[in-house]
N, C-alpha and C. Protein backbone atom coordinates (compact mmCIF):
# COMPACT_ATOMS: atom_id res chain seq x y z
N MET A 1 18.07 -0.32 10.80
CA MET A 1 17.25 -1.48 11.05
C MET A 1 17.90 -2.28 12.16
N SER A 2 17.10 -2.79 13.10
CA SER A 2 17.63 -3.57 14.20
C SER A 2 18.16 -4.89 13.68
N GLU A 3 18.91 -5.59 14.52
CA GLU A 3 19.46 -6.88 14.13
C GLU A 3 18.34 -7.86 13.82
N ALA A 4 17.28 -7.86 14.66
CA ALA A 4 16.14 -8.74 14.42
C ALA A 4 15.43 -8.36 13.13
N GLY A 5 15.27 -7.03 12.88
CA GLY A 5 14.64 -6.57 11.65
C GLY A 5 15.45 -6.94 10.43
N SER A 6 16.77 -6.83 10.56
CA SER A 6 17.67 -7.19 9.47
C SER A 6 17.59 -8.69 9.20
N GLU A 7 17.53 -9.48 10.27
CA GLU A 7 17.43 -10.93 10.12
C GLU A 7 16.11 -11.30 9.44
N ARG A 8 15.02 -10.63 9.85
CA ARG A 8 13.70 -10.88 9.26
C ARG A 8 13.72 -10.51 7.77
N ALA A 9 14.31 -9.35 7.44
CA ALA A 9 14.40 -8.93 6.04
C ALA A 9 15.18 -9.96 5.23
N GLY A 10 16.26 -10.46 5.81
CA GLY A 10 17.05 -11.50 5.15
C GLY A 10 16.25 -12.77 4.96
N SER A 11 15.43 -13.11 5.95
CA SER A 11 14.59 -14.30 5.86
C SER A 11 13.55 -14.15 4.76
N ILE A 12 12.99 -12.94 4.64
CA ILE A 12 12.00 -12.69 3.60
C ILE A 12 12.66 -12.79 2.23
N THR A 13 13.81 -12.17 2.09
CA THR A 13 14.54 -12.25 0.82
C THR A 13 14.88 -13.69 0.50
N SER A 14 15.30 -14.45 1.52
CA SER A 14 15.61 -15.87 1.34
C SER A 14 14.37 -16.66 0.92
N ALA A 15 13.23 -16.40 1.56
CA ALA A 15 11.99 -17.09 1.20
C ALA A 15 11.56 -16.74 -0.23
N LEU A 16 11.74 -15.49 -0.62
CA LEU A 16 11.43 -15.08 -1.99
C LEU A 16 12.32 -15.85 -2.99
N ARG A 17 13.59 -15.94 -2.65
CA ARG A 17 14.55 -16.66 -3.51
C ARG A 17 14.15 -18.14 -3.60
N ASP A 18 13.82 -18.75 -2.44
CA ASP A 18 13.42 -20.16 -2.42
C ASP A 18 12.15 -20.38 -3.24
N ARG A 19 11.21 -19.46 -3.12
CA ARG A 19 9.97 -19.56 -3.89
C ARG A 19 10.24 -19.49 -5.38
N ARG A 20 11.14 -18.59 -5.76
CA ARG A 20 11.51 -18.44 -7.18
C ARG A 20 12.10 -19.75 -7.71
N ARG A 21 12.83 -20.47 -6.86
CA ARG A 21 13.44 -21.74 -7.26
C ARG A 21 12.47 -22.91 -7.19
N GLY A 22 11.24 -22.63 -6.68
CA GLY A 22 10.23 -23.68 -6.61
C GLY A 22 10.41 -24.63 -5.44
N GLU A 23 11.09 -24.19 -4.39
CA GLU A 23 11.32 -25.05 -3.22
C GLU A 23 10.01 -25.30 -2.48
N PRO A 24 9.77 -26.55 -2.08
CA PRO A 24 8.55 -26.87 -1.35
C PRO A 24 8.44 -26.09 -0.04
N GLY A 25 7.26 -25.58 0.25
CA GLY A 25 7.01 -24.87 1.50
C GLY A 25 7.46 -23.42 1.51
N ALA A 26 8.08 -22.95 0.45
CA ALA A 26 8.60 -21.58 0.43
C ALA A 26 7.48 -20.55 0.49
N THR A 27 6.37 -20.81 -0.20
CA THR A 27 5.26 -19.86 -0.20
C THR A 27 4.63 -19.76 1.18
N THR A 28 4.47 -20.89 1.86
CA THR A 28 3.93 -20.90 3.21
C THR A 28 4.87 -20.16 4.16
N ARG A 29 6.16 -20.41 4.04
CA ARG A 29 7.15 -19.72 4.88
C ARG A 29 7.10 -18.22 4.63
N LEU A 30 7.00 -17.83 3.37
CA LEU A 30 6.93 -16.41 3.02
C LEU A 30 5.70 -15.78 3.65
N TYR A 31 4.55 -16.46 3.56
CA TYR A 31 3.32 -15.91 4.15
C TYR A 31 3.50 -15.70 5.65
N ARG A 32 4.08 -16.66 6.33
CA ARG A 32 4.29 -16.51 7.78
C ARG A 32 5.20 -15.33 8.10
N LEU A 33 6.16 -15.06 7.23
CA LEU A 33 7.10 -13.96 7.47
C LEU A 33 6.48 -12.59 7.19
N VAL A 34 5.59 -12.51 6.20
CA VAL A 34 5.07 -11.19 5.80
C VAL A 34 3.66 -10.90 6.30
N GLU A 35 2.96 -11.90 6.81
CA GLU A 35 1.55 -11.74 7.20
C GLU A 35 1.36 -10.64 8.23
N ARG A 36 2.17 -10.61 9.26
CA ARG A 36 2.01 -9.60 10.31
C ARG A 36 2.24 -8.19 9.77
N GLU A 37 3.27 -8.03 8.94
CA GLU A 37 3.56 -6.71 8.38
C GLU A 37 2.48 -6.28 7.39
N LEU A 38 2.01 -7.19 6.56
CA LEU A 38 0.91 -6.85 5.64
C LEU A 38 -0.34 -6.48 6.44
N ARG A 39 -0.58 -7.17 7.53
CA ARG A 39 -1.74 -6.88 8.39
C ARG A 39 -1.61 -5.47 8.98
N ARG A 40 -0.41 -5.11 9.43
CA ARG A 40 -0.18 -3.78 10.00
C ARG A 40 -0.45 -2.70 8.94
N ARG A 41 0.04 -2.95 7.75
CA ARG A 41 -0.13 -1.97 6.67
C ARG A 41 -1.58 -1.90 6.21
N ALA A 42 -2.24 -3.03 6.21
CA ALA A 42 -3.64 -3.08 5.79
C ALA A 42 -4.56 -2.44 6.83
N ALA A 43 -4.11 -2.36 8.07
CA ALA A 43 -4.94 -1.78 9.13
C ALA A 43 -5.36 -0.36 8.80
N GLY A 44 -4.58 0.33 8.02
CA GLY A 44 -4.93 1.69 7.61
C GLY A 44 -6.13 1.74 6.69
N HIS A 45 -6.51 0.60 6.19
CA HIS A 45 -7.62 0.57 5.24
C HIS A 45 -8.90 0.03 5.85
N ARG A 46 -8.95 0.03 7.19
CA ARG A 46 -10.21 -0.34 7.83
C ARG A 46 -11.23 0.69 7.40
N ALA A 47 -12.26 0.22 6.86
CA ALA A 47 -13.28 1.16 6.38
C ALA A 47 -14.65 0.53 6.50
N ARG A 48 -15.61 1.36 6.51
CA ARG A 48 -17.00 0.89 6.59
C ARG A 48 -17.61 0.87 5.19
N SER A 49 -18.40 -0.12 4.97
CA SER A 49 -19.14 -0.20 3.72
C SER A 49 -20.59 -0.51 4.07
N ALA A 50 -21.42 -0.54 3.07
CA ALA A 50 -22.83 -0.86 3.31
C ALA A 50 -22.96 -2.26 3.89
N SER A 51 -22.02 -3.13 3.57
CA SER A 51 -22.09 -4.51 4.03
C SER A 51 -21.31 -4.75 5.32
N GLY A 52 -20.72 -3.72 5.90
CA GLY A 52 -20.00 -3.91 7.15
C GLY A 52 -18.53 -3.60 7.05
N ARG A 53 -17.78 -4.12 7.98
CA ARG A 53 -16.35 -3.82 8.10
C ARG A 53 -15.53 -4.57 7.07
N PHE A 54 -14.58 -3.88 6.49
CA PHE A 54 -13.62 -4.51 5.57
C PHE A 54 -12.63 -5.27 6.44
N GLU A 55 -12.62 -6.55 6.34
CA GLU A 55 -11.80 -7.38 7.23
C GLU A 55 -10.33 -7.35 6.84
N LEU A 56 -9.48 -7.17 7.85
CA LEU A 56 -8.03 -7.15 7.61
C LEU A 56 -7.55 -8.46 7.01
N THR A 57 -8.02 -9.56 7.56
CA THR A 57 -7.59 -10.87 7.07
C THR A 57 -7.94 -11.03 5.60
N GLU A 58 -9.13 -10.57 5.23
CA GLU A 58 -9.57 -10.64 3.85
C GLU A 58 -8.64 -9.83 2.93
N LEU A 59 -8.28 -8.63 3.36
CA LEU A 59 -7.39 -7.79 2.55
C LEU A 59 -5.99 -8.40 2.46
N VAL A 60 -5.45 -8.83 3.60
CA VAL A 60 -4.10 -9.41 3.60
C VAL A 60 -4.06 -10.65 2.72
N ASP A 61 -5.04 -11.52 2.87
CA ASP A 61 -5.07 -12.73 2.06
C ASP A 61 -5.19 -12.41 0.57
N ALA A 62 -6.04 -11.44 0.23
CA ALA A 62 -6.22 -11.06 -1.18
C ALA A 62 -4.93 -10.49 -1.76
N VAL A 63 -4.23 -9.66 -0.98
CA VAL A 63 -2.96 -9.09 -1.45
C VAL A 63 -1.95 -10.21 -1.66
N PHE A 64 -1.81 -11.09 -0.68
CA PHE A 64 -0.81 -12.15 -0.78
C PHE A 64 -1.11 -13.08 -1.96
N VAL A 65 -2.37 -13.45 -2.11
CA VAL A 65 -2.74 -14.34 -3.22
C VAL A 65 -2.39 -13.70 -4.55
N GLN A 66 -2.72 -12.42 -4.71
CA GLN A 66 -2.40 -11.76 -5.98
C GLN A 66 -0.89 -11.65 -6.20
N LEU A 67 -0.15 -11.51 -5.11
CA LEU A 67 1.30 -11.39 -5.25
C LEU A 67 1.96 -12.71 -5.66
N VAL A 68 1.44 -13.82 -5.19
CA VAL A 68 2.12 -15.09 -5.44
C VAL A 68 1.43 -15.99 -6.45
N ARG A 69 0.15 -15.76 -6.72
CA ARG A 69 -0.59 -16.63 -7.63
C ARG A 69 -0.10 -16.41 -9.06
N GLY A 70 0.66 -17.33 -9.55
CA GLY A 70 1.13 -17.24 -10.92
C GLY A 70 1.90 -15.98 -11.23
N ALA A 71 2.42 -15.34 -10.19
CA ALA A 71 3.11 -14.07 -10.39
C ALA A 71 4.35 -14.26 -11.25
N ARG A 72 4.48 -13.40 -12.21
CA ARG A 72 5.66 -13.42 -13.07
C ARG A 72 6.71 -12.44 -12.55
N VAL A 73 6.37 -11.76 -11.46
CA VAL A 73 7.29 -10.79 -10.89
C VAL A 73 8.41 -11.52 -10.17
N GLU A 74 9.63 -11.12 -10.43
CA GLU A 74 10.79 -11.64 -9.72
C GLU A 74 11.11 -10.65 -8.62
N PHE A 75 10.65 -10.91 -7.41
CA PHE A 75 10.90 -10.01 -6.29
C PHE A 75 12.38 -10.04 -5.94
N ALA A 76 13.02 -8.89 -5.99
CA ALA A 76 14.45 -8.81 -5.72
C ALA A 76 14.75 -9.00 -4.24
N ASP A 77 13.90 -8.40 -3.40
CA ASP A 77 14.14 -8.44 -1.96
C ASP A 77 12.88 -8.00 -1.24
N ARG A 78 13.00 -7.85 0.07
CA ARG A 78 11.89 -7.46 0.93
C ARG A 78 11.29 -6.11 0.49
N ALA A 79 12.12 -5.12 0.24
CA ALA A 79 11.64 -3.79 -0.15
C ALA A 79 10.84 -3.86 -1.46
N HIS A 80 11.34 -4.62 -2.42
CA HIS A 80 10.65 -4.76 -3.69
C HIS A 80 9.30 -5.46 -3.49
N PHE A 81 9.28 -6.49 -2.64
CA PHE A 81 8.04 -7.20 -2.35
C PHE A 81 6.98 -6.25 -1.80
N TYR A 82 7.37 -5.44 -0.79
CA TYR A 82 6.40 -4.52 -0.18
C TYR A 82 6.01 -3.38 -1.12
N ALA A 83 6.89 -2.98 -2.00
CA ALA A 83 6.53 -1.95 -2.98
C ALA A 83 5.47 -2.47 -3.94
N ILE A 84 5.62 -3.70 -4.39
CA ILE A 84 4.61 -4.31 -5.26
C ILE A 84 3.33 -4.55 -4.47
N ALA A 85 3.47 -4.95 -3.20
CA ALA A 85 2.29 -5.16 -2.35
C ALA A 85 1.49 -3.87 -2.23
N ALA A 86 2.17 -2.73 -2.18
CA ALA A 86 1.47 -1.44 -2.09
C ALA A 86 0.58 -1.22 -3.30
N THR A 87 1.09 -1.54 -4.47
CA THR A 87 0.31 -1.38 -5.69
C THR A 87 -0.91 -2.30 -5.69
N VAL A 88 -0.69 -3.54 -5.28
CA VAL A 88 -1.79 -4.50 -5.23
C VAL A 88 -2.83 -4.07 -4.19
N MET A 89 -2.35 -3.61 -3.02
CA MET A 89 -3.26 -3.17 -1.97
C MET A 89 -4.08 -1.97 -2.46
N ARG A 90 -3.42 -1.06 -3.14
CA ARG A 90 -4.13 0.12 -3.67
C ARG A 90 -5.24 -0.32 -4.61
N ARG A 91 -4.94 -1.23 -5.50
CA ARG A 91 -5.94 -1.69 -6.47
C ARG A 91 -7.12 -2.37 -5.78
N ILE A 92 -6.83 -3.23 -4.82
CA ILE A 92 -7.90 -3.95 -4.11
C ILE A 92 -8.77 -2.98 -3.32
N VAL A 93 -8.14 -2.08 -2.57
CA VAL A 93 -8.89 -1.14 -1.74
C VAL A 93 -9.70 -0.17 -2.61
N THR A 94 -9.13 0.26 -3.72
CA THR A 94 -9.85 1.17 -4.62
C THR A 94 -11.06 0.46 -5.23
N ASP A 95 -10.88 -0.79 -5.65
CA ASP A 95 -12.00 -1.56 -6.19
C ASP A 95 -13.08 -1.74 -5.12
N TRP A 96 -12.66 -2.04 -3.90
CA TRP A 96 -13.62 -2.19 -2.80
C TRP A 96 -14.38 -0.88 -2.58
N ALA A 97 -13.66 0.24 -2.58
CA ALA A 97 -14.30 1.54 -2.35
C ALA A 97 -15.32 1.84 -3.44
N ARG A 98 -14.99 1.51 -4.67
CA ARG A 98 -15.94 1.74 -5.78
C ARG A 98 -17.22 0.92 -5.56
N ARG A 99 -17.05 -0.34 -5.16
CA ARG A 99 -18.22 -1.19 -4.92
C ARG A 99 -19.04 -0.65 -3.74
N ALA A 100 -18.35 -0.22 -2.68
CA ALA A 100 -19.06 0.28 -1.50
C ALA A 100 -19.87 1.53 -1.83
N LEU A 101 -19.29 2.42 -2.62
CA LEU A 101 -20.02 3.63 -2.99
C LEU A 101 -21.14 3.34 -3.99
N ALA A 102 -20.91 2.39 -4.88
CA ALA A 102 -21.96 2.01 -5.82
C ALA A 102 -23.15 1.44 -5.07
N ALA A 103 -22.89 0.76 -3.98
CA ALA A 103 -23.98 0.19 -3.17
C ALA A 103 -24.84 1.28 -2.56
N LYS A 104 -24.27 2.45 -2.37
CA LYS A 104 -25.03 3.57 -1.81
C LYS A 104 -25.91 4.23 -2.87
N ARG A 105 -25.78 3.79 -4.11
CA ARG A 105 -26.58 4.33 -5.23
C ARG A 105 -26.44 5.82 -5.41
N GLY A 106 -25.18 6.21 -5.62
CA GLY A 106 -24.94 7.58 -5.99
C GLY A 106 -24.87 8.57 -4.86
N ALA A 107 -24.71 8.10 -3.64
CA ALA A 107 -24.56 9.05 -2.53
C ALA A 107 -23.37 9.94 -2.82
N HIS A 108 -23.47 11.20 -2.49
CA HIS A 108 -22.40 12.15 -2.78
C HIS A 108 -21.20 11.92 -1.87
N ALA A 109 -20.04 11.90 -2.48
CA ALA A 109 -18.81 11.71 -1.71
C ALA A 109 -18.53 12.96 -0.90
N ARG A 110 -18.07 12.76 0.31
CA ARG A 110 -17.72 13.88 1.18
C ARG A 110 -16.21 13.98 1.23
N HIS A 111 -15.68 15.12 0.81
CA HIS A 111 -14.23 15.30 0.79
C HIS A 111 -13.69 15.42 2.20
N GLN A 112 -12.50 14.85 2.39
CA GLN A 112 -11.85 14.90 3.68
C GLN A 112 -10.49 15.57 3.51
N PRO A 113 -9.99 16.21 4.54
CA PRO A 113 -8.74 16.94 4.41
C PRO A 113 -7.54 16.03 4.14
N VAL A 114 -6.68 16.47 3.22
CA VAL A 114 -5.49 15.70 2.87
C VAL A 114 -4.47 15.70 3.99
N ASP A 115 -4.53 16.69 4.87
CA ASP A 115 -3.57 16.73 5.97
C ASP A 115 -3.64 15.46 6.80
N GLY A 116 -4.72 14.71 6.73
CA GLY A 116 -4.85 13.48 7.49
C GLY A 116 -4.34 12.27 6.76
N LEU A 117 -3.52 12.45 5.74
CA LEU A 117 -3.04 11.32 4.94
C LEU A 117 -2.00 10.49 5.68
N GLN A 118 -2.40 9.84 6.69
CA GLN A 118 -1.54 8.88 7.38
C GLN A 118 -2.36 7.61 7.50
N ALA A 119 -2.21 6.72 6.53
CA ALA A 119 -3.08 5.56 6.43
C ALA A 119 -3.13 4.75 7.72
N ALA A 120 -2.03 4.63 8.39
CA ALA A 120 -2.00 3.80 9.59
C ALA A 120 -2.67 4.49 10.77
N ALA A 121 -2.93 5.79 10.68
CA ALA A 121 -3.43 6.53 11.83
C ALA A 121 -4.88 6.96 11.71
N GLN A 122 -5.58 6.50 10.69
CA GLN A 122 -6.95 6.98 10.53
C GLN A 122 -7.84 5.90 9.97
N GLU A 123 -9.10 6.11 10.10
CA GLU A 123 -10.12 5.27 9.49
C GLU A 123 -10.25 5.73 8.04
N VAL A 124 -10.03 4.86 7.09
CA VAL A 124 -10.05 5.22 5.69
C VAL A 124 -11.43 4.89 5.12
N THR A 125 -12.09 5.90 4.58
CA THR A 125 -13.42 5.71 4.02
C THR A 125 -13.33 5.44 2.53
N PRO A 126 -14.37 4.85 1.94
CA PRO A 126 -14.36 4.65 0.48
C PRO A 126 -14.18 5.97 -0.27
N ASP A 127 -14.82 7.04 0.22
CA ASP A 127 -14.69 8.34 -0.42
C ASP A 127 -13.24 8.79 -0.47
N LEU A 128 -12.56 8.67 0.66
CA LEU A 128 -11.17 9.10 0.75
C LEU A 128 -10.29 8.27 -0.18
N VAL A 129 -10.49 6.97 -0.20
CA VAL A 129 -9.68 6.10 -1.06
C VAL A 129 -9.83 6.51 -2.52
N LEU A 130 -11.06 6.70 -2.96
CA LEU A 130 -11.28 7.06 -4.36
C LEU A 130 -10.76 8.45 -4.68
N ASP A 131 -10.93 9.39 -3.76
CA ASP A 131 -10.40 10.74 -3.98
C ASP A 131 -8.88 10.71 -4.10
N VAL A 132 -8.22 10.01 -3.19
CA VAL A 132 -6.76 9.94 -3.23
C VAL A 132 -6.31 9.22 -4.49
N ASP A 133 -6.99 8.13 -4.84
CA ASP A 133 -6.62 7.38 -6.04
C ASP A 133 -6.69 8.27 -7.28
N ALA A 134 -7.76 9.05 -7.41
CA ALA A 134 -7.90 9.94 -8.57
C ALA A 134 -6.83 11.03 -8.57
N LEU A 135 -6.56 11.59 -7.40
CA LEU A 135 -5.54 12.63 -7.33
C LEU A 135 -4.14 12.08 -7.59
N VAL A 136 -3.87 10.86 -7.12
CA VAL A 136 -2.56 10.25 -7.38
C VAL A 136 -2.38 10.02 -8.88
N ALA A 137 -3.44 9.62 -9.55
CA ALA A 137 -3.36 9.44 -11.01
C ALA A 137 -3.03 10.76 -11.70
N ARG A 138 -3.63 11.85 -11.22
CA ARG A 138 -3.31 13.17 -11.79
C ARG A 138 -1.89 13.59 -11.45
N LEU A 139 -1.48 13.34 -10.21
CA LEU A 139 -0.11 13.69 -9.80
C LEU A 139 0.92 12.92 -10.63
N ARG A 140 0.61 11.67 -10.96
CA ARG A 140 1.53 10.84 -11.75
C ARG A 140 1.86 11.49 -13.09
N GLU A 141 0.91 12.25 -13.65
CA GLU A 141 1.15 12.95 -14.91
C GLU A 141 2.21 14.03 -14.76
N HIS A 142 2.29 14.65 -13.58
CA HIS A 142 3.22 15.75 -13.34
C HIS A 142 4.51 15.29 -12.67
N ASN A 143 4.40 14.33 -11.77
CA ASN A 143 5.57 13.89 -11.01
C ASN A 143 5.38 12.43 -10.62
N PRO A 144 5.80 11.51 -11.49
CA PRO A 144 5.58 10.09 -11.23
C PRO A 144 6.20 9.59 -9.92
N ARG A 145 7.38 10.08 -9.57
CA ARG A 145 8.02 9.60 -8.35
C ARG A 145 7.23 10.03 -7.12
N CYS A 146 6.76 11.27 -7.09
CA CYS A 146 5.95 11.73 -5.95
C CYS A 146 4.65 10.93 -5.86
N ALA A 147 4.06 10.60 -7.00
CA ALA A 147 2.84 9.79 -6.99
C ALA A 147 3.13 8.42 -6.40
N ARG A 148 4.28 7.86 -6.74
CA ARG A 148 4.65 6.53 -6.21
C ARG A 148 4.88 6.62 -4.69
N VAL A 149 5.47 7.72 -4.23
CA VAL A 149 5.69 7.90 -2.80
C VAL A 149 4.34 7.93 -2.07
N VAL A 150 3.36 8.65 -2.63
CA VAL A 150 2.03 8.69 -2.00
C VAL A 150 1.43 7.29 -1.98
N GLU A 151 1.55 6.58 -3.07
CA GLU A 151 1.01 5.22 -3.14
C GLU A 151 1.64 4.33 -2.06
N LEU A 152 2.96 4.41 -1.93
CA LEU A 152 3.64 3.57 -0.95
C LEU A 152 3.33 3.98 0.49
N ARG A 153 3.19 5.27 0.71
CA ARG A 153 2.94 5.78 2.07
C ARG A 153 1.47 5.62 2.46
N PHE A 154 0.57 6.06 1.59
CA PHE A 154 -0.86 6.05 1.91
C PHE A 154 -1.46 4.65 1.80
N PHE A 155 -1.19 3.96 0.69
CA PHE A 155 -1.85 2.69 0.46
C PHE A 155 -1.15 1.51 1.11
N ALA A 156 0.13 1.64 1.43
CA ALA A 156 0.83 0.51 2.06
C ALA A 156 1.44 0.86 3.39
N GLY A 157 1.41 2.13 3.78
CA GLY A 157 1.93 2.51 5.09
C GLY A 157 3.42 2.34 5.26
N LEU A 158 4.18 2.39 4.16
CA LEU A 158 5.62 2.25 4.26
C LEU A 158 6.24 3.46 4.94
N SER A 159 7.32 3.22 5.66
CA SER A 159 8.08 4.31 6.28
C SER A 159 8.93 4.98 5.19
N PHE A 160 9.50 6.12 5.52
CA PHE A 160 10.36 6.80 4.54
C PHE A 160 11.59 5.95 4.21
N ALA A 161 12.10 5.22 5.19
CA ALA A 161 13.25 4.33 4.94
C ALA A 161 12.86 3.23 3.96
N GLU A 162 11.67 2.66 4.13
CA GLU A 162 11.21 1.60 3.23
C GLU A 162 10.93 2.15 1.83
N ILE A 163 10.35 3.33 1.77
CA ILE A 163 10.09 3.96 0.47
C ILE A 163 11.41 4.23 -0.25
N ALA A 164 12.37 4.76 0.50
CA ALA A 164 13.69 5.05 -0.08
C ALA A 164 14.31 3.78 -0.65
N ALA A 165 14.25 2.70 0.11
CA ALA A 165 14.82 1.43 -0.36
C ALA A 165 14.09 0.92 -1.61
N ALA A 166 12.78 1.02 -1.60
CA ALA A 166 11.98 0.53 -2.73
C ALA A 166 12.22 1.34 -4.00
N LEU A 167 12.43 2.65 -3.85
CA LEU A 167 12.58 3.51 -5.03
C LEU A 167 14.03 3.85 -5.37
N GLY A 168 14.96 3.43 -4.53
CA GLY A 168 16.36 3.72 -4.79
C GLY A 168 16.70 5.19 -4.62
N ILE A 169 16.07 5.83 -3.62
CA ILE A 169 16.33 7.23 -3.33
C ILE A 169 16.69 7.35 -1.85
N SER A 170 17.11 8.54 -1.42
CA SER A 170 17.43 8.73 -0.02
C SER A 170 16.15 8.92 0.80
N GLU A 171 16.26 8.68 2.10
CA GLU A 171 15.13 8.91 3.00
C GLU A 171 14.69 10.36 2.95
N ARG A 172 15.67 11.25 2.90
CA ARG A 172 15.37 12.67 2.85
C ARG A 172 14.58 13.03 1.59
N THR A 173 14.96 12.43 0.47
CA THR A 173 14.24 12.67 -0.78
C THR A 173 12.82 12.12 -0.68
N ALA A 174 12.67 10.93 -0.09
CA ALA A 174 11.34 10.34 0.09
C ALA A 174 10.46 11.26 0.94
N ALA A 175 11.00 11.77 2.03
CA ALA A 175 10.25 12.67 2.91
C ALA A 175 9.91 13.97 2.19
N GLY A 176 10.85 14.50 1.42
CA GLY A 176 10.61 15.72 0.65
C GLY A 176 9.54 15.51 -0.41
N ASP A 177 9.60 14.37 -1.09
CA ASP A 177 8.57 14.05 -2.09
C ASP A 177 7.19 13.94 -1.43
N TRP A 178 7.14 13.35 -0.24
CA TRP A 178 5.87 13.23 0.49
C TRP A 178 5.32 14.61 0.82
N GLU A 179 6.18 15.50 1.31
CA GLU A 179 5.72 16.85 1.65
C GLU A 179 5.24 17.60 0.41
N PHE A 180 5.99 17.48 -0.68
CA PHE A 180 5.56 18.12 -1.93
C PHE A 180 4.22 17.56 -2.37
N ALA A 181 4.10 16.23 -2.35
CA ALA A 181 2.87 15.58 -2.81
C ALA A 181 1.68 15.98 -1.94
N ARG A 182 1.87 16.06 -0.63
CA ARG A 182 0.79 16.47 0.26
C ARG A 182 0.32 17.89 -0.07
N ALA A 183 1.28 18.78 -0.30
CA ALA A 183 0.92 20.16 -0.64
C ALA A 183 0.18 20.20 -1.98
N TRP A 184 0.67 19.44 -2.95
CA TRP A 184 0.04 19.40 -4.27
C TRP A 184 -1.37 18.83 -4.16
N LEU A 185 -1.50 17.73 -3.44
CA LEU A 185 -2.82 17.10 -3.27
C LEU A 185 -3.79 18.05 -2.58
N TYR A 186 -3.31 18.71 -1.54
CA TYR A 186 -4.18 19.64 -0.82
C TYR A 186 -4.65 20.77 -1.73
N ALA A 187 -3.72 21.30 -2.53
CA ALA A 187 -4.08 22.38 -3.46
C ALA A 187 -5.13 21.89 -4.48
N GLN A 188 -4.95 20.68 -4.97
CA GLN A 188 -5.91 20.12 -5.92
C GLN A 188 -7.26 19.86 -5.27
N TRP A 189 -7.21 19.38 -4.05
CA TRP A 189 -8.42 19.05 -3.30
C TRP A 189 -9.24 20.30 -3.00
N SER A 190 -8.55 21.40 -2.79
CA SER A 190 -9.21 22.66 -2.42
C SER A 190 -9.92 23.32 -3.59
N ARG A 191 -9.65 22.85 -4.78
CA ARG A 191 -10.26 23.48 -5.98
C ARG A 191 -11.72 23.19 -6.07
């Protein structure tokens, strides 16, 4: 991590600590520190619905509000914050996808190749979100850590270094889990 990145991570951890202590302005400071990164990660979830474009600001604000509104979670540090954000983002995007598809009144979902599972590099459709969500739930039954890696990578766009920090594993293990999960998902998708 660069010196600036390290300083920013320290600032986020400091803002989380200040918020936990109830310091005035800590939540606003935290939002300013994480908003750009949450926006970058949310960009992978640009998708079309019957009602139009899923707005990044709407997703970022919804994630942040759920993370801080009466949250009982004690965020240990920046990595822990973004790991929890991934779970919240997954839930919000999955709920949105269900509503978008329900609006189509039963239109058949079109499967998309798993090889394209790079949330930050593609347009994510409601069909893809729901398909990945269902497959991740099945993967969790067989390999919970690999399922968590997919959640962090696909739904939050975390790097392998960030995933490793969040899960307490090595970068190499995170990358290996991702490759295993992609192969498993592809095999399941092909059935």
